[in-house]
N, C-alpha and C. Protein backbone atom coordinates (compact mmCIF):
# COMPACT_ATOMS: atom_id res chain seq x y z
N MET A 1 1.12 -1.24 0.22
CA MET A 1 0.07 -0.11 -0.12
C MET A 1 0.72 1.48 0.07
N MET A 2 1.87 1.05 0.95
CA MET A 2 2.73 2.31 1.07
C MET A 2 3.71 2.45 -0.59
N ALA A 3 3.65 1.55 -1.34
CA ALA A 3 4.22 1.66 -2.46
C ALA A 3 3.57 2.22 -3.44
N VAL A 4 2.18 2.39 -3.28
CA VAL A 4 0.93 2.82 -4.28
C VAL A 4 0.84 4.11 -4.11
N SER A 5 1.20 4.49 -2.49
CA SER A 5 0.83 6.10 -2.42
C SER A 5 2.05 6.54 -2.98
N ILE A 6 3.31 5.97 -2.35
CA ILE A 6 4.52 6.73 -2.79
C ILE A 6 4.60 6.99 -4.58
N ILE A 7 3.70 6.12 -5.48
CA ILE A 7 4.04 5.97 -7.12
C ILE A 7 2.91 7.50 -7.53
N THR A 8 1.97 6.68 -6.85
CA THR A 8 0.08 8.31 -7.08
C THR A 8 1.42 9.53 -6.43
N PHE A 9 1.52 9.77 -5.53
CA PHE A 9 2.33 10.80 -5.08
C PHE A 9 3.64 11.53 -6.10
N GLY A 10 4.15 10.50 -6.36
CA GLY A 10 5.27 10.67 -7.52
C GLY A 10 4.25 11.88 -8.62
N LEU A 11 3.59 10.71 -9.29
CA LEU A 11 3.01 11.28 -10.70
C LEU A 11 2.29 12.32 -10.56
N PHE A 12 2.00 12.43 -9.57
CA PHE A 12 0.96 13.82 -9.29
C PHE A 12 1.99 14.93 -9.35
N PHE A 13 3.21 14.96 -9.04
CA PHE A 13 4.09 16.07 -9.24
C PHE A 13 4.66 16.21 -10.51
N MET A 14 4.71 15.19 -11.42
CA MET A 14 5.18 14.51 -12.29
C MET A 14 4.26 15.27 -13.28
N GLN A 15 3.50 15.33 -13.34
CA GLN A 15 2.74 15.68 -14.54
C GLN A 15 2.59 17.49 -15.21
N GLY A 16 3.24 17.37 -16.13
CA GLY A 16 3.41 18.86 -16.62
C GLY A 16 4.86 18.81 -16.76
N ALA A 17 5.80 17.90 -16.08
CA ALA A 17 7.11 18.55 -15.40
C ALA A 17 8.06 18.64 -16.81
N GLY A 18 7.68 17.65 -17.79
CA GLY A 18 7.95 17.46 -18.94
C GLY A 18 7.61 18.45 -20.26
N LYS A 19 6.47 18.97 -20.19
CA LYS A 19 5.70 19.39 -20.80
C LYS A 19 6.57 20.95 -21.49
N THR A 20 6.59 20.61 -22.91
CA THR A 20 7.11 21.98 -23.72
C THR A 20 6.07 22.92 -23.96
N TYR A 21 6.22 24.21 -23.79
CA TYR A 21 5.50 25.36 -24.40
C TYR A 21 5.93 26.12 -25.71
N ASN A 22 5.89 25.49 -26.67
CA ASN A 22 6.37 26.10 -27.76
C ASN A 22 5.46 27.28 -28.26
N VAL A 23 5.83 28.41 -28.83
CA VAL A 23 4.97 29.30 -29.33
C VAL A 23 4.76 29.04 -30.30
N ALA A 24 5.05 27.95 -31.39
CA ALA A 24 4.04 27.63 -32.49
C ALA A 24 2.94 27.06 -32.16
N ASP A 25 2.91 26.52 -31.21
CA ASP A 25 1.49 26.01 -30.20
C ASP A 25 0.39 27.15 -30.19
N LEU A 26 0.62 28.27 -30.35
CA LEU A 26 -0.42 29.19 -29.47
C LEU A 26 -1.01 29.94 -31.38
N LYS A 27 -2.15 30.23 -30.72
CA LYS A 27 -2.77 30.33 -32.04
C LYS A 27 -2.41 31.70 -32.54
N SER A 28 -2.23 31.91 -33.78
CA SER A 28 -1.48 32.96 -34.53
C SER A 28 -1.93 33.21 -35.88
N ASN A 29 -3.39 33.42 -35.94
CA ASN A 29 -4.12 33.50 -37.54
C ASN A 29 -4.36 34.98 -37.42
N ALA A 30 -4.29 35.94 -36.32
CA ALA A 30 -5.04 37.08 -36.80
C ALA A 30 -4.44 38.40 -37.14
N THR A 31 -5.28 39.15 -37.24
CA THR A 31 -4.48 40.73 -37.91
C THR A 31 -4.42 40.97 -36.74
N ILE A 32 -2.92 41.99 -36.58
CA ILE A 32 -2.54 42.54 -35.61
C ILE A 32 -2.59 44.00 -35.82
N ASP A 33 -2.44 45.11 -35.37
CA ASP A 33 -2.08 46.47 -35.36
C ASP A 33 -0.98 46.56 -34.47
N VAL A 34 -0.21 46.94 -34.74
CA VAL A 34 1.42 47.06 -34.12
C VAL A 34 1.99 48.63 -34.60
N THR A 35 2.48 49.33 -33.41
CA THR A 35 3.31 50.03 -33.76
C THR A 35 4.81 49.78 -33.90
N ASP A 36 5.26 50.59 -35.18
CA ASP A 36 6.72 50.49 -35.17
C ASP A 36 7.38 51.72 -34.18
N ASP A 37 7.61 51.42 -32.94
CA ASP A 37 8.00 52.77 -32.26
C ASP A 37 9.83 52.86 -32.81
N LYS A 38 9.76 54.40 -32.17
CA LYS A 38 11.42 55.08 -32.52
C LYS A 38 12.01 54.01 -31.96
N TYR A 39 13.79 54.16 -32.30
CA TYR A 39 14.68 53.54 -31.54
C TYR A 39 15.53 54.46 -31.04
N TYR A 40 15.49 54.16 -29.40
CA TYR A 40 16.36 55.21 -28.59
C TYR A 40 17.80 54.50 -28.39
N GLY A 41 17.98 53.50 -28.89
CA GLY A 41 19.69 52.92 -28.73
C GLY A 41 19.51 52.21 -27.74
N ALA A 42 20.41 51.42 -27.33
CA ALA A 42 20.58 50.09 -26.63
C ALA A 42 21.78 50.16 -25.25
N ASN A 43 22.24 51.49 -25.05
CA ASN A 43 23.18 51.34 -24.07
C ASN A 43 23.10 50.89 -22.93
N HIS A 44 24.12 49.98 -21.83
CA HIS A 44 24.01 49.81 -20.98
C HIS A 44 24.32 50.27 -19.85
N THR A 45 23.40 51.00 -18.85
CA THR A 45 23.91 52.05 -17.84
C THR A 45 23.27 51.76 -16.04
N GLU A 46 23.81 51.62 -15.30
CA GLU A 46 23.12 51.90 -13.99
C GLU A 46 22.93 53.14 -13.30
N ASP A 47 22.84 54.09 -14.35
CA ASP A 47 22.24 55.73 -14.12
C ASP A 47 20.96 55.37 -13.93
N PRO A 48 20.33 56.57 -13.36
CA PRO A 48 18.93 56.66 -13.42
C PRO A 48 18.07 57.03 -14.85
N ILE A 49 17.13 56.11 -15.58
CA ILE A 49 17.09 56.41 -16.43
C ILE A 49 15.64 57.17 -16.66
N GLN A 50 15.09 58.34 -17.52
CA GLN A 50 14.11 58.53 -17.99
C GLN A 50 13.97 58.89 -19.47
N TYR A 51 12.70 58.06 -19.61
CA TYR A 51 12.49 57.29 -21.27
C TYR A 51 11.41 58.64 -21.93
N GLU A 52 11.67 58.12 -23.21
CA GLU A 52 10.55 59.34 -23.84
C GLU A 52 9.09 58.64 -24.05
N MET A 53 9.09 57.57 -24.13
CA MET A 53 8.18 56.81 -24.49
C MET A 53 7.72 56.38 -23.28
N THR A 54 6.06 56.55 -22.56
CA THR A 54 5.57 56.24 -21.65
C THR A 54 5.91 54.27 -21.43
N ILE A 55 5.64 53.59 -22.03
CA ILE A 55 5.92 52.26 -21.88
C ILE A 55 7.42 52.26 -23.38
N PRO A 56 8.39 52.19 -22.84
CA PRO A 56 9.26 52.04 -23.72
C PRO A 56 9.78 50.58 -24.36
N THR A 57 10.44 50.65 -25.56
CA THR A 57 10.58 49.37 -26.58
C THR A 57 11.89 49.46 -26.46
N SER A 58 12.93 50.42 -26.23
CA SER A 58 14.01 50.44 -26.63
C SER A 58 14.34 51.58 -25.83
N GLY A 59 15.69 51.93 -25.71
CA GLY A 59 16.60 52.92 -24.95
C GLY A 59 17.99 52.40 -24.42
N PRO A 60 18.66 53.25 -23.25
CA PRO A 60 19.11 52.60 -22.40
C PRO A 60 18.77 51.90 -21.30
N HIS A 61 19.35 50.94 -20.78
CA HIS A 61 18.73 49.96 -19.99
C HIS A 61 19.88 49.61 -19.16
N ASN A 62 19.57 49.14 -17.99
CA ASN A 62 20.33 48.55 -16.85
C ASN A 62 21.17 47.31 -17.45
N PRO A 63 22.23 46.90 -17.23
CA PRO A 63 22.79 45.49 -17.91
C PRO A 63 22.25 44.32 -17.51
N HIS A 64 21.16 44.38 -16.61
CA HIS A 64 20.57 43.18 -15.97
C HIS A 64 19.07 43.08 -16.76
N ASP A 65 19.26 41.73 -16.92
CA ASP A 65 17.66 41.78 -17.30
C ASP A 65 16.81 40.81 -15.97
N ILE A 66 15.52 40.37 -16.20
CA ILE A 66 14.89 39.60 -15.65
C ILE A 66 14.68 38.30 -16.25
N LYS A 67 14.15 37.43 -15.28
CA LYS A 67 13.59 36.02 -15.35
C LYS A 67 12.59 36.24 -16.19
N PHE A 68 12.01 35.42 -17.00
CA PHE A 68 10.74 34.65 -17.62
C PHE A 68 9.86 34.97 -16.62
N GLY A 69 8.50 35.20 -16.77
CA GLY A 69 7.42 34.59 -15.59
C GLY A 69 6.50 35.77 -15.63
N PHE A 70 5.97 34.97 -14.76
CA PHE A 70 4.41 36.25 -14.20
C PHE A 70 4.72 36.66 -13.12
N TYR A 71 4.53 38.23 -13.18
CA TYR A 71 4.92 39.09 -12.22
C TYR A 71 3.98 39.96 -11.33
N THR A 72 3.90 40.34 -10.25
CA THR A 72 2.76 40.73 -9.48
C THR A 72 2.96 42.14 -9.12
N ASP A 73 4.33 42.47 -8.94
CA ASP A 73 5.09 43.76 -8.92
C ASP A 73 5.63 44.15 -9.86
N PHE A 74 5.80 45.43 -9.97
CA PHE A 74 6.24 46.27 -11.63
C PHE A 74 7.95 46.21 -11.34
N PRO A 75 8.72 45.19 -11.95
CA PRO A 75 10.08 45.36 -11.72
C PRO A 75 11.00 46.74 -11.92
N GLY A 76 10.78 47.81 -13.27
CA GLY A 76 11.30 48.71 -13.50
C GLY A 76 11.59 48.53 -15.00
N TYR A 77 11.50 49.85 -15.54
CA TYR A 77 11.56 49.53 -17.38
C TYR A 77 12.85 49.44 -17.42
N ASN A 78 13.74 49.95 -16.43
CA ASN A 78 15.46 49.72 -16.86
C ASN A 78 15.82 48.34 -17.08
N TYR A 79 14.89 46.97 -16.20
CA TYR A 79 15.27 45.95 -16.43
C TYR A 79 14.60 45.21 -17.72
N LEU A 80 13.30 45.61 -17.85
CA LEU A 80 12.75 45.21 -18.85
C LEU A 80 12.81 45.73 -20.06
N VAL A 81 13.53 46.80 -20.24
CA VAL A 81 13.84 46.97 -21.89
C VAL A 81 15.06 46.34 -22.31
N HIS A 82 15.92 45.86 -21.54
CA HIS A 82 17.15 44.60 -21.46
C HIS A 82 16.41 43.77 -21.98
N ASN A 83 15.25 43.05 -21.48
CA ASN A 83 14.75 41.78 -21.71
C ASN A 83 14.01 42.03 -23.26
N LEU A 84 13.50 43.24 -23.52
CA LEU A 84 13.02 43.57 -24.99
C LEU A 84 14.55 43.46 -25.87
N GLU A 85 15.55 43.73 -25.46
CA GLU A 85 16.58 43.54 -26.51
C GLU A 85 17.07 42.19 -26.52
N HIS A 86 16.91 41.41 -25.84
CA HIS A 86 17.16 40.02 -25.63
C HIS A 86 16.19 39.42 -26.70
N GLY A 87 14.94 39.72 -26.80
CA GLY A 87 14.07 39.04 -27.67
C GLY A 87 12.38 38.78 -27.33
N ASP A 88 12.69 39.21 -25.90
CA ASP A 88 11.47 38.57 -24.76
C ASP A 88 10.21 39.70 -25.57
N ILE A 89 9.06 38.61 -25.18
CA ILE A 89 8.01 39.43 -25.45
C ILE A 89 7.54 40.17 -23.89
N ILE A 90 7.09 41.19 -23.71
CA ILE A 90 6.26 42.12 -22.30
C ILE A 90 4.98 42.17 -22.32
N ILE A 91 4.18 41.39 -21.76
CA ILE A 91 2.93 41.32 -21.84
C ILE A 91 2.54 42.45 -20.57
N TYR A 92 2.02 43.31 -20.87
CA TYR A 92 1.57 44.74 -19.44
C TYR A 92 0.29 44.35 -19.39
N TYR A 93 -0.55 44.47 -17.89
CA TYR A 93 -1.70 43.91 -17.49
C TYR A 93 -2.04 45.10 -16.20
N ARG A 94 -3.08 45.14 -16.43
CA ARG A 94 -3.57 46.06 -15.11
C ARG A 94 -3.39 45.55 -14.10
N GLU A 95 -3.33 46.15 -12.80
CA GLU A 95 -3.08 45.61 -11.33
C GLU A 95 -4.74 45.00 -10.96
N ASN A 96 -5.09 45.32 -11.62
CA ASN A 96 -6.77 45.43 -11.19
C ASN A 96 -7.24 44.11 -12.17
N ALA A 97 -6.62 43.47 -13.14
CA ALA A 97 -6.88 42.52 -14.04
C ALA A 97 -7.60 41.52 -13.39
N SER A 98 -9.09 41.21 -14.53
CA SER A 98 -9.43 39.79 -13.99
C SER A 98 -8.70 38.24 -13.43
N GLU A 99 -8.66 37.59 -12.50
CA GLU A 99 -7.96 36.72 -12.02
C GLU A 99 -8.26 35.28 -13.13
N ASP A 100 -8.92 35.53 -14.30
CA ASP A 100 -8.90 34.75 -15.20
C ASP A 100 -7.93 35.28 -16.13
N LEU A 101 -7.66 36.49 -16.40
CA LEU A 101 -6.64 36.77 -17.24
C LEU A 101 -5.51 36.44 -16.31
N LYS A 102 -5.31 37.07 -15.29
CA LYS A 102 -3.72 36.40 -14.31
C LYS A 102 -3.57 35.25 -14.86
N GLU A 103 -4.43 34.41 -14.60
CA GLU A 103 -4.31 32.69 -14.61
C GLU A 103 -4.08 32.47 -16.10
N HIS A 104 -4.33 33.15 -17.33
CA HIS A 104 -3.98 32.79 -18.70
C HIS A 104 -2.79 33.68 -19.00
N LEU A 105 -2.26 34.61 -18.24
CA LEU A 105 -0.75 35.38 -18.74
C LEU A 105 -0.15 34.47 -17.94
N LYS A 106 0.04 33.80 -16.53
CA LYS A 106 0.81 32.90 -15.93
C LYS A 106 1.26 31.60 -17.08
N TYR A 107 -0.15 31.05 -17.84
CA TYR A 107 0.25 29.88 -18.76
C TYR A 107 1.06 30.49 -19.83
N LEU A 108 0.67 31.86 -20.68
CA LEU A 108 1.40 31.96 -21.24
C LEU A 108 2.87 32.52 -21.15
N ALA A 109 3.04 33.00 -20.15
CA ALA A 109 4.43 33.59 -19.58
C ALA A 109 5.64 31.92 -19.11
N LYS A 110 4.87 30.74 -19.96
CA LYS A 110 5.51 29.50 -19.76
C LYS A 110 6.35 29.34 -21.18
N PHE A 111 5.82 30.27 -22.34
CA PHE A 111 6.18 29.84 -23.62
C PHE A 111 7.72 30.33 -23.51
N ARG A 112 8.65 29.74 -24.65
CA ARG A 112 9.77 29.83 -24.96
C ARG A 112 10.00 29.85 -26.50
N GLU A 113 11.03 30.87 -26.51
CA GLU A 113 11.72 30.40 -28.51
C GLU A 113 12.55 30.34 -28.35
N ALA A 114 13.87 29.82 -28.39
CA ALA A 114 15.44 29.70 -28.43
C ALA A 114 15.77 30.37 -26.90
N GLY A 115 16.37 31.13 -27.03
CA GLY A 115 16.58 32.04 -25.88
C GLY A 115 16.12 33.15 -25.24
N ALA A 116 14.80 33.19 -25.72
CA ALA A 116 13.43 34.15 -25.73
C ALA A 116 12.28 33.79 -24.34
N GLY A 117 11.58 34.61 -23.98
CA GLY A 117 10.60 33.96 -23.29
C GLY A 117 9.87 35.29 -23.33
N ILE A 118 8.56 35.03 -22.25
CA ILE A 118 7.47 35.92 -22.27
C ILE A 118 7.69 36.45 -20.39
N LEU A 119 7.31 37.56 -20.60
CA LEU A 119 7.12 38.09 -19.00
C LEU A 119 5.49 38.36 -19.00
N ALA A 120 5.12 38.52 -17.78
CA ALA A 120 3.61 39.45 -17.89
C ALA A 120 4.11 39.88 -16.54
N VAL A 121 3.64 41.69 -16.73
CA VAL A 121 4.05 42.47 -15.75
C VAL A 121 3.02 43.50 -15.51
N PRO A 122 2.75 43.71 -14.46
CA PRO A 122 1.84 45.04 -14.19
C PRO A 122 1.91 46.38 -14.41
N ASN A 123 1.11 46.75 -14.98
CA ASN A 123 1.86 48.44 -15.15
C ASN A 123 0.73 49.29 -15.22
N LYS A 124 0.94 50.60 -14.51
CA LYS A 124 0.02 51.50 -14.13
C LYS A 124 0.16 52.27 -15.63
N ASP A 125 0.96 52.30 -16.14
CA ASP A 125 0.89 53.05 -17.31
C ASP A 125 0.34 52.77 -18.98
N ILE A 126 -0.58 51.96 -18.40
CA ILE A 126 -1.66 50.99 -19.71
C ILE A 126 -2.59 52.38 -20.04
N PRO A 127 -2.21 52.71 -20.96
CA PRO A 127 -3.30 53.73 -21.76
C PRO A 127 -4.93 53.84 -21.45
N GLU A 128 -5.66 54.44 -20.86
CA GLU A 128 -6.90 54.73 -20.59
C GLU A 128 -7.56 53.91 -21.80
N GLY A 129 -8.36 52.95 -21.87
CA GLY A 129 -9.23 52.02 -22.81
C GLY A 129 -8.85 50.92 -23.22
N SER A 130 -7.15 50.73 -22.42
CA SER A 130 -6.57 49.42 -23.00
C SER A 130 -6.44 48.50 -21.85
N GLU A 131 -7.05 47.24 -22.52
CA GLU A 131 -6.72 46.20 -21.15
C GLU A 131 -5.06 45.89 -21.24
N VAL A 132 -4.70 45.73 -21.86
CA VAL A 132 -3.18 45.11 -22.02
C VAL A 132 -2.42 45.61 -23.26
N VAL A 133 -0.92 45.94 -22.96
CA VAL A 133 -0.17 46.44 -23.73
C VAL A 133 0.82 45.53 -23.91
N VAL A 134 1.06 45.11 -25.54
CA VAL A 134 1.87 43.68 -25.77
C VAL A 134 3.50 44.25 -26.27
N THR A 135 4.32 44.26 -25.84
CA THR A 135 5.60 44.82 -26.50
C THR A 135 6.89 43.85 -27.02
N ALA A 136 7.65 44.11 -27.90
CA ALA A 136 8.92 43.83 -28.20
C ALA A 136 9.85 44.77 -28.56
N TRP A 137 10.91 44.37 -29.10
CA TRP A 137 12.11 45.51 -29.28
C TRP A 137 11.38 46.34 -30.39
N THR A 138 11.01 47.91 -30.11
CA THR A 138 10.65 48.43 -31.00
C THR A 138 9.11 48.51 -31.38
N LYS A 139 8.35 47.48 -30.74
CA LYS A 139 7.07 46.92 -31.62
C LYS A 139 6.08 47.09 -30.22
N THR A 140 4.85 47.64 -30.42
CA THR A 140 3.89 47.89 -29.40
C THR A 140 2.42 47.49 -29.71
N MET A 141 1.97 46.55 -29.31
CA MET A 141 0.49 46.43 -29.78
C MET A 141 -0.76 46.70 -28.53
N LYS A 142 -1.23 47.42 -28.55
CA LYS A 142 -2.47 47.91 -27.18
C LYS A 142 -3.86 47.36 -27.99
N LEU A 143 -4.12 46.59 -26.82
CA LEU A 143 -5.36 46.08 -26.87
C LEU A 143 -6.80 46.28 -25.82
N ASP A 144 -7.60 46.93 -26.46
CA ASP A 144 -8.71 47.56 -25.96
C ASP A 144 -9.39 46.17 -24.98
N GLN A 145 -9.09 44.85 -25.30
CA GLN A 145 -9.84 43.67 -24.88
C GLN A 145 -8.74 42.45 -25.13
N PHE A 146 -8.45 41.84 -24.04
CA PHE A 146 -7.26 40.64 -24.46
C PHE A 146 -7.76 40.02 -25.38
N ASP A 147 -7.42 39.47 -26.29
CA ASP A 147 -7.35 38.67 -27.54
C ASP A 147 -6.27 37.21 -27.69
N ASP A 148 -6.68 36.34 -27.45
CA ASP A 148 -5.92 35.34 -27.58
C ASP A 148 -4.86 35.20 -28.78
N ALA A 149 -5.42 34.98 -29.89
CA ALA A 149 -5.19 35.08 -31.33
C ALA A 149 -4.13 36.42 -31.23
N LYS A 150 -4.57 37.24 -31.11
CA LYS A 150 -3.90 38.85 -31.23
C LYS A 150 -2.63 38.70 -30.33
N VAL A 151 -2.79 38.15 -29.21
CA VAL A 151 -1.12 38.07 -28.73
C VAL A 151 -0.52 36.74 -29.07
N GLY A 152 -1.03 35.91 -29.72
CA GLY A 152 -0.15 34.74 -29.85
C GLY A 152 0.36 35.16 -31.30
N THR A 153 -0.34 35.77 -32.50
CA THR A 153 0.05 36.13 -33.48
C THR A 153 1.54 37.01 -33.44
N PHE A 154 1.15 38.02 -32.27
CA PHE A 154 2.28 39.06 -31.66
C PHE A 154 3.37 38.12 -31.23
N ILE A 155 3.14 37.07 -30.74
CA ILE A 155 4.25 36.28 -30.05
C ILE A 155 5.07 35.67 -31.03
N ASN A 156 4.22 34.90 -31.72
CA ASN A 156 5.07 34.19 -32.69
C ASN A 156 5.35 34.91 -33.79
N LYS A 157 5.48 36.69 -34.46
CA LYS A 157 6.25 36.93 -35.20
C LYS A 157 7.20 37.99 -34.34
N TYR A 158 6.99 38.13 -33.19
CA TYR A 158 8.27 39.36 -32.73
C TYR A 158 9.13 38.61 -31.45
N ILE A 159 8.77 37.49 -31.21
CA ILE A 159 9.42 36.95 -30.00
C ILE A 159 11.09 36.44 -30.67
N ASN A 160 11.97 36.63 -30.05
CA ASN A 160 13.62 36.58 -30.02
C ASN A 160 13.84 37.27 -31.54
N GLN A 161 13.36 38.29 -31.47
CA GLN A 161 13.73 39.13 -32.83
C GLN A 161 14.36 40.35 -32.02
N GLY A 162 15.01 40.12 -31.21
CA GLY A 162 15.26 41.38 -30.43
C GLY A 162 17.10 41.73 -30.84
N PRO A 163 17.91 42.34 -30.81
CA PRO A 163 19.34 42.83 -31.43
C PRO A 163 19.99 41.90 -30.80
N GLU A 164 19.74 41.74 -29.49
CA GLU A 164 20.73 41.08 -28.96
C GLU A 164 20.34 39.15 -28.82
N LYS A 165 20.84 38.21 -29.34
CA LYS A 165 19.94 37.10 -29.31
C LYS A 165 21.09 36.62 -28.51
N ILE A 166 20.46 35.60 -27.38
CA ILE A 166 21.80 34.90 -26.52
C ILE A 166 20.88 33.08 -26.84
N PRO A 167 21.67 32.30 -26.70
CA PRO A 167 21.33 31.41 -27.07
C PRO A 167 20.63 30.45 -25.69
N ALA A 168 19.69 29.69 -26.33
CA ALA A 168 18.79 29.13 -24.86
C ALA A 168 19.52 28.50 -23.99
N SER A 169 20.70 28.05 -24.26
CA SER A 169 21.48 26.66 -23.40
C SER A 169 22.30 27.86 -22.69
N VAL A 170 22.75 28.93 -23.05
CA VAL A 170 23.00 30.32 -21.99
C VAL A 170 21.68 30.72 -21.42
N ARG A 171 20.69 31.28 -21.68
CA ARG A 171 19.71 32.12 -21.12
C ARG A 171 18.52 30.99 -20.61
N GLN A 172 18.66 30.22 -19.80
CA GLN A 172 17.62 28.98 -19.51
C GLN A 172 16.77 30.13 -18.43
N GLY A 173 15.62 30.08 -18.60
CA GLY A 173 14.79 30.96 -17.69
C GLY A 173 14.60 32.54 -18.06
N GLY A 174 15.59 32.98 -18.64
CA GLY A 174 15.50 34.62 -18.77
C GLY A 174 16.78 35.08 -17.63
N GLY A 175 16.62 36.05 -17.60
CA GLY A 175 18.06 37.37 -16.88
C GLY A 175 18.34 36.88 -15.75
N THR A 176 19.22 37.55 -15.38
CA THR A 176 20.31 37.25 -14.18
C THR A 176 19.86 37.50 -12.61
N MET A 177 18.21 38.26 -12.76
CA MET A 177 17.84 39.27 -11.41
C MET A 177 16.30 38.45 -11.79
């Protein structure tokens, strides 16, 4: 009986352990409206940074980026812009987003492509009338309402397209912080 309990317990925790989250599996057949943002450079600095864009997609940034995943606190644009430089996708959501949306963003934040990943981050700078803002290096897509196919299309088109690509074998799970 003890052996059956151990096996059942082990199977419970191993479910999904080997699951891969490939961006090609996301819905990606939607027409999307993406802004080509101005390029503001890509210098590394630990000095305070004033960004010209409200939600920046390029510019000077901290030499450290952060790990892929779902965040409940805003880590700062100085780190997030570095993630974009590495080809990551950042999905900004409102702090008061529904639990359903947050759960779905946690799921999306598991997807990877080569050395790039996805971060879901709360953001007070999301413009009025938008539910989420999705960004890549010099690209922005604002959505009045979250749309799985549009977000999947954006991810498929722009993930791992930053100017500084890091191999997956080196950048496992994202950044240094």
